[in-house]
Each structure stands twice: as C-alpha cells, then as structure tokens.
N, C-alpha and C. Protein backbone atom coordinates (compact mmCIF):
# COMPACT_ATOMS: atom_id res chain seq x y z
N UNK A 1 0.92 -1.32 -0.05
CA UNK A 1 0.07 -0.02 0.21
C UNK A 1 0.93 1.37 -0.02
N UNK A 2 1.99 1.31 0.80
CA UNK A 2 2.68 2.39 1.17
C UNK A 2 3.31 2.58 -0.32
N UNK A 3 3.88 1.41 -0.97
CA UNK A 3 4.69 1.59 -2.38
C UNK A 3 3.77 2.38 -3.67
N UNK A 4 2.62 1.87 -3.11
CA UNK A 4 1.63 2.33 -4.37
C UNK A 4 0.96 3.95 -4.20
N UNK A 5 1.12 4.25 -2.98
CA UNK A 5 1.07 5.81 -2.53
C UNK A 5 2.00 6.46 -3.16
N UNK A 6 3.34 5.99 -2.72
CA UNK A 6 4.63 6.88 -3.19
C UNK A 6 4.68 6.71 -4.54
N UNK A 7 4.66 5.54 -5.02
CA UNK A 7 4.61 5.85 -6.83
C UNK A 7 3.60 6.76 -7.28
N UNK A 8 2.21 6.80 -6.70
CA UNK A 8 1.17 7.97 -7.28
C UNK A 8 1.76 9.19 -6.88
N UNK A 9 2.19 9.44 -5.88
CA UNK A 9 2.82 10.80 -5.39
C UNK A 9 3.81 11.25 -6.46
N UNK A 10 4.83 10.37 -6.64
CA UNK A 10 5.95 10.85 -7.56
C UNK A 10 5.38 10.99 -8.95
N UNK A 11 4.41 10.05 -9.39
CA UNK A 11 4.11 10.20 -10.59
C UNK A 11 3.24 11.43 -10.72
N UNK A 12 2.37 11.78 -10.06
CA UNK A 12 1.75 12.93 -10.08
C UNK A 12 2.29 14.21 -9.98
N UNK A 13 3.42 14.21 -9.11
CA UNK A 13 4.45 15.14 -9.17
C UNK A 13 5.26 15.52 -10.49
N UNK A 14 5.86 14.21 -11.16
CA UNK A 14 6.42 14.48 -12.37
C UNK A 14 5.50 14.77 -13.60
N UNK A 15 4.53 14.17 -13.54
CA UNK A 15 3.61 14.63 -14.42
C UNK A 15 3.09 16.04 -14.59
N UNK A 16 2.92 16.52 -13.36
CA UNK A 16 2.59 17.93 -13.36
C UNK A 16 3.69 18.74 -13.78
N UNK A 17 4.78 18.61 -13.43
CA UNK A 17 6.09 19.38 -14.19
C UNK A 17 6.18 19.22 -15.64
N UNK A 18 5.94 17.88 -16.15
CA UNK A 18 6.28 17.51 -17.47
C UNK A 18 5.08 18.12 -18.40
N UNK A 19 3.81 18.13 -17.84
CA UNK A 19 2.83 18.95 -18.22
C UNK A 19 3.17 20.55 -18.70
N UNK A 20 3.74 21.06 -17.52
CA UNK A 20 3.83 22.56 -17.71
C UNK A 20 4.97 22.69 -18.57
N UNK A 21 5.94 21.68 -18.48
CA UNK A 21 7.24 21.92 -19.58
C UNK A 21 6.87 21.87 -21.07
N UNK A 22 5.67 20.90 -21.22
CA UNK A 22 5.28 20.84 -22.62
C UNK A 22 4.12 22.24 -22.96
N UNK A 23 3.65 22.59 -22.01
CA UNK A 23 2.86 23.82 -22.21
C UNK A 23 3.86 25.02 -22.75
N UNK A 24 4.76 25.03 -21.73
CA UNK A 24 5.88 26.31 -22.13
C UNK A 24 6.46 26.13 -23.50
N UNK A 25 6.88 24.68 -23.77
CA UNK A 25 7.53 24.41 -25.24
C UNK A 25 6.44 24.92 -26.22
N UNK A 26 5.11 24.58 -26.09
CA UNK A 26 4.23 24.81 -27.09
C UNK A 26 4.15 26.51 -27.13
N UNK A 27 4.32 27.23 -26.11
CA UNK A 27 4.23 28.89 -26.22
C UNK A 27 5.34 29.19 -26.80
N UNK A 28 6.45 28.42 -26.62
CA UNK A 28 7.86 28.93 -27.30
C UNK A 28 8.01 28.20 -28.47
N UNK A 29 7.04 27.60 -29.04
CA UNK A 29 7.48 26.74 -30.36
C UNK A 29 8.73 25.98 -30.33
N UNK A 30 8.95 25.31 -29.11
CA UNK A 30 10.23 24.52 -29.23
C UNK A 30 9.82 23.19 -29.06
N UNK A 31 10.34 22.35 -30.08
CA UNK A 31 10.24 20.78 -30.43
C UNK A 31 11.13 19.97 -29.28
N UNK A 32 10.72 19.95 -28.08
CA UNK A 32 11.68 19.56 -27.26
C UNK A 32 12.29 18.00 -27.53
N UNK A 33 11.54 17.17 -28.25
CA UNK A 33 11.92 15.90 -28.38
C UNK A 33 12.75 15.77 -29.61
N UNK A 34 13.04 16.92 -30.42
CA UNK A 34 13.93 16.78 -31.32
C UNK A 34 15.29 16.58 -30.87
N UNK A 35 16.28 15.88 -31.63
CA UNK A 35 17.68 15.73 -31.11
C UNK A 35 18.46 16.81 -30.74
N UNK A 36 19.04 17.06 -29.66
CA UNK A 36 19.53 18.00 -29.21
C UNK A 36 18.78 19.29 -28.69
N UNK A 37 17.62 19.24 -28.61
CA UNK A 37 16.69 20.62 -28.41
C UNK A 37 16.81 20.74 -26.88
N UNK A 38 16.54 19.81 -26.03
CA UNK A 38 16.72 19.74 -24.49
C UNK A 38 18.00 20.32 -23.94
N UNK A 39 19.21 20.00 -24.63
CA UNK A 39 20.21 20.40 -24.32
C UNK A 39 20.31 21.64 -24.41
N UNK A 40 19.82 22.28 -25.83
CA UNK A 40 19.95 23.53 -26.27
C UNK A 40 19.22 24.71 -25.28
N UNK A 41 17.98 23.91 -24.91
CA UNK A 41 17.28 24.76 -23.75
C UNK A 41 17.95 24.89 -22.44
N UNK A 42 18.58 23.68 -22.12
CA UNK A 42 19.22 23.90 -20.62
C UNK A 42 20.46 24.59 -20.94
N UNK A 43 21.08 24.75 -22.00
CA UNK A 43 22.23 25.74 -22.14
C UNK A 43 21.72 27.38 -22.42
N UNK A 44 20.49 27.34 -22.31
CA UNK A 44 19.81 28.77 -22.32
C UNK A 44 20.07 29.45 -23.77
N UNK A 45 19.97 28.45 -24.97
CA UNK A 45 20.07 28.99 -26.41
C UNK A 45 18.74 29.33 -26.79
N UNK A 46 18.41 30.65 -26.65
CA UNK A 46 16.95 31.08 -27.10
C UNK A 46 16.73 30.82 -28.53
N UNK A 47 17.74 30.71 -29.18
CA UNK A 47 17.75 30.43 -30.81
C UNK A 47 16.83 29.21 -30.88
N UNK A 48 16.85 28.33 -29.86
CA UNK A 48 15.99 27.11 -30.24
C UNK A 48 14.45 27.37 -30.12
N UNK A 49 14.20 28.46 -29.89
CA UNK A 49 12.68 28.57 -29.66
C UNK A 49 12.24 29.46 -31.11
N UNK A 50 11.03 28.83 -31.49
CA UNK A 50 10.51 29.61 -32.57
C UNK A 50 9.72 30.85 -32.49
N UNK A 51 9.73 31.47 -31.21
CA UNK A 51 8.65 32.57 -30.98
C UNK A 51 9.62 33.15 -29.91
N UNK A 52 9.38 34.80 -29.91
CA UNK A 52 10.12 35.58 -28.82
C UNK A 52 9.44 35.55 -27.64
N UNK A 53 9.31 34.87 -26.78
CA UNK A 53 8.75 34.87 -25.50
C UNK A 53 9.83 34.35 -24.15
N UNK A 54 10.59 35.42 -23.81
CA UNK A 54 11.75 35.25 -22.93
C UNK A 54 11.35 34.71 -21.49
N UNK A 55 10.05 35.21 -21.09
CA UNK A 55 9.57 34.44 -20.02
C UNK A 55 9.23 33.25 -19.90
N UNK A 56 8.24 32.84 -20.95
CA UNK A 56 8.20 31.25 -21.20
C UNK A 56 9.39 30.28 -21.27
N UNK A 57 10.21 31.06 -22.14
CA UNK A 57 11.58 30.07 -22.23
C UNK A 57 12.21 30.10 -20.86
N UNK A 58 12.29 31.00 -20.24
CA UNK A 58 12.96 30.97 -18.69
C UNK A 58 12.42 30.17 -18.03
N UNK A 59 10.92 29.99 -18.30
CA UNK A 59 10.19 29.05 -17.12
C UNK A 59 10.55 27.49 -17.64
N UNK A 60 10.34 27.37 -18.98
CA UNK A 60 10.71 26.16 -19.53
C UNK A 60 12.05 25.44 -19.05
N UNK A 61 12.90 26.52 -19.26
CA UNK A 61 14.38 25.93 -18.73
C UNK A 61 14.47 25.61 -17.36
N UNK A 62 13.55 26.35 -16.44
CA UNK A 62 13.89 26.09 -15.04
C UNK A 62 13.07 24.89 -14.87
N UNK A 63 12.01 24.56 -15.53
CA UNK A 63 11.01 23.63 -15.16
C UNK A 63 11.78 22.28 -15.75
N UNK A 64 12.56 22.44 -16.78
CA UNK A 64 13.53 21.24 -17.15
C UNK A 64 14.56 20.94 -16.17
N UNK A 65 15.20 21.93 -15.67
CA UNK A 65 16.08 21.64 -14.48
C UNK A 65 15.51 20.95 -13.45
N UNK A 66 14.35 21.68 -12.81
CA UNK A 66 13.63 20.85 -11.80
C UNK A 66 13.32 19.49 -12.07
N UNK A 67 12.87 19.24 -13.37
CA UNK A 67 12.48 17.98 -13.62
C UNK A 67 13.47 17.10 -13.53
N UNK A 68 14.79 17.35 -14.00
CA UNK A 68 15.87 16.52 -13.73
C UNK A 68 16.06 16.16 -12.17
N UNK A 69 16.16 17.00 -11.53
CA UNK A 69 16.18 16.99 -10.09
C UNK A 69 15.26 16.02 -9.47
N UNK A 70 14.11 16.36 -9.93
CA UNK A 70 12.69 15.38 -9.14
C UNK A 70 13.01 13.86 -9.75
N UNK A 71 13.57 13.82 -11.05
CA UNK A 71 13.77 12.41 -11.54
C UNK A 71 14.94 11.86 -10.44
N UNK A 72 15.98 12.61 -10.38
CA UNK A 72 16.78 11.92 -9.47
C UNK A 72 16.27 11.69 -8.08
N UNK A 73 15.45 12.33 -7.30
CA UNK A 73 14.87 12.13 -6.14
C UNK A 73 13.96 10.70 -6.20
N UNK A 74 13.39 10.85 -7.37
CA UNK A 74 12.31 9.71 -7.58
C UNK A 74 13.10 8.17 -7.72
N UNK A 75 14.23 8.33 -8.39
CA UNK A 75 15.17 7.17 -8.21
C UNK A 75 15.52 6.68 -6.94
N UNK A 76 15.94 7.76 -5.98
CA UNK A 76 16.35 7.45 -4.90
C UNK A 76 15.26 6.71 -3.97
N UNK A 77 13.85 7.25 -4.11
CA UNK A 77 12.76 6.90 -3.42
C UNK A 77 12.09 5.73 -3.93
N UNK A 78 11.91 5.81 -5.34
CA UNK A 78 11.39 4.56 -6.04
C UNK A 78 12.23 3.44 -6.84
N UNK A 79 13.34 3.74 -6.93
CA UNK A 79 14.43 3.00 -7.86
C UNK A 79 14.26 3.48 -9.29
N UNK A 80 15.32 2.93 -9.97
CA UNK A 80 15.28 3.43 -11.36
C UNK A 80 14.42 2.88 -12.28
N UNK A 81 14.17 1.73 -12.29
CA UNK A 81 13.33 0.79 -13.15
C UNK A 81 11.92 1.58 -12.86
N UNK A 82 11.36 1.51 -11.68
CA UNK A 82 9.87 1.97 -11.51
C UNK A 82 9.95 3.58 -11.90
N UNK A 83 10.99 4.41 -11.73
CA UNK A 83 10.86 5.76 -12.20
C UNK A 83 11.03 5.84 -13.89
N UNK A 84 11.70 5.02 -14.21
CA UNK A 84 11.68 5.01 -15.78
C UNK A 84 10.40 4.81 -16.38
N UNK A 85 9.83 3.82 -15.89
CA UNK A 85 8.50 3.37 -16.21
C UNK A 85 7.28 4.38 -16.05
N UNK A 86 7.64 5.08 -14.96
CA UNK A 86 6.77 6.47 -14.68
C UNK A 86 6.79 7.34 -15.74
N UNK A 87 8.34 7.72 -15.90
CA UNK A 87 8.49 8.83 -17.06
C UNK A 87 8.05 8.31 -18.47
N UNK A 88 8.38 7.18 -18.66
CA UNK A 88 7.82 6.79 -20.07
C UNK A 88 6.38 6.95 -20.25
N UNK A 89 5.60 6.41 -19.19
CA UNK A 89 4.16 6.48 -19.26
C UNK A 89 3.73 7.91 -19.48
N UNK A 90 4.23 8.93 -18.41
CA UNK A 90 3.84 10.32 -18.56
C UNK A 90 4.03 10.83 -20.17
N UNK A 91 5.48 10.57 -20.48
CA UNK A 91 6.05 10.94 -21.73
C UNK A 91 4.92 10.77 -22.79
N UNK A 92 4.51 9.46 -22.71
CA UNK A 92 3.55 8.96 -23.81
C UNK A 92 2.27 9.69 -23.66
N UNK A 93 1.90 9.76 -22.50
CA UNK A 93 0.45 10.44 -22.42
C UNK A 93 0.48 12.08 -22.93
N UNK A 94 1.62 12.76 -22.59
CA UNK A 94 1.96 14.18 -22.94
C UNK A 94 1.94 14.42 -24.38
N UNK A 95 2.57 13.12 -25.11
CA UNK A 95 2.99 13.22 -26.46
C UNK A 95 1.39 13.02 -27.58
N UNK A 96 0.72 12.35 -26.58
CA UNK A 96 -0.75 12.44 -27.12
C UNK A 96 -1.27 13.80 -27.13
N UNK A 97 -1.19 14.25 -26.06
CA UNK A 97 -1.80 15.81 -25.91
C UNK A 97 -1.02 16.82 -26.52
N UNK A 98 0.12 16.69 -26.87
CA UNK A 98 0.98 18.08 -27.07
C UNK A 98 1.73 17.74 -28.52
N UNK A 99 1.36 18.03 -29.69
CA UNK A 99 1.99 17.65 -31.03
C UNK A 99 3.16 18.36 -31.18
N UNK A 100 3.58 19.56 -30.28
CA UNK A 100 4.62 20.49 -30.90
C UNK A 100 5.86 19.85 -30.02
N UNK A 101 5.70 18.66 -29.30
CA UNK A 101 6.97 18.21 -28.68
C UNK A 101 7.97 17.67 -29.82
N UNK A 102 7.72 17.45 -31.06
CA UNK A 102 8.41 17.10 -31.97
C UNK A 102 9.25 15.75 -31.71
N UNK A 103 10.14 15.53 -32.45
CA UNK A 103 11.10 14.72 -32.26
C UNK A 103 10.68 13.13 -33.36
C-alpha cells in the first residue's frame, strides 16, 4: 500500500512538471523531443525557440532543470526501473496531448 501511494505521489509530481514543460514548449514553439533540443534549452540557447517569449522560455528551462532533480529524487525513493516506467508512461501521455513536442 505504501509503495502504491509513493508511486502515485511521484507520478503526480513528475506529470505536473512535465505537463507544464510541454505547455511552455508549445508557447515557445520548441520541439523538445527533437535531437539536441533539450540540451539547447538547458544551455539557455533561445535560438532554439520559434517565438520570442523570454518569460516562457525561462520558465521552461527552469522546469526542465527541476524535472531532472525530481527524477533523481524519484530514483532514490522508488528505484531506477520504476522511475523510468513512470517517466515513459507520462511522456507517452503528454505526446498524445501536445503535438509540438516534436522528435
């Protein structure tokens, strides 16, 4: 029971962050799943953005960094395999909702 609650908690937290990242990527017209795009955003390369919205780009970049921290914390709490399964499930769900993710 406790494992299920922990998994639901981390799944919900990760999904919330990933949903907001996808929303900001749509605003910025950034195709996050295209090769090298996440790295470009993390390196603060606004040229990766198809629009000029510095606030949305900054928020997306900060959320990406937070997402990586959350993933590491999730691995510590749930284990690598369960975390990867969560992230894969959430990513697939988001790809259905946001076509601008690219890749």
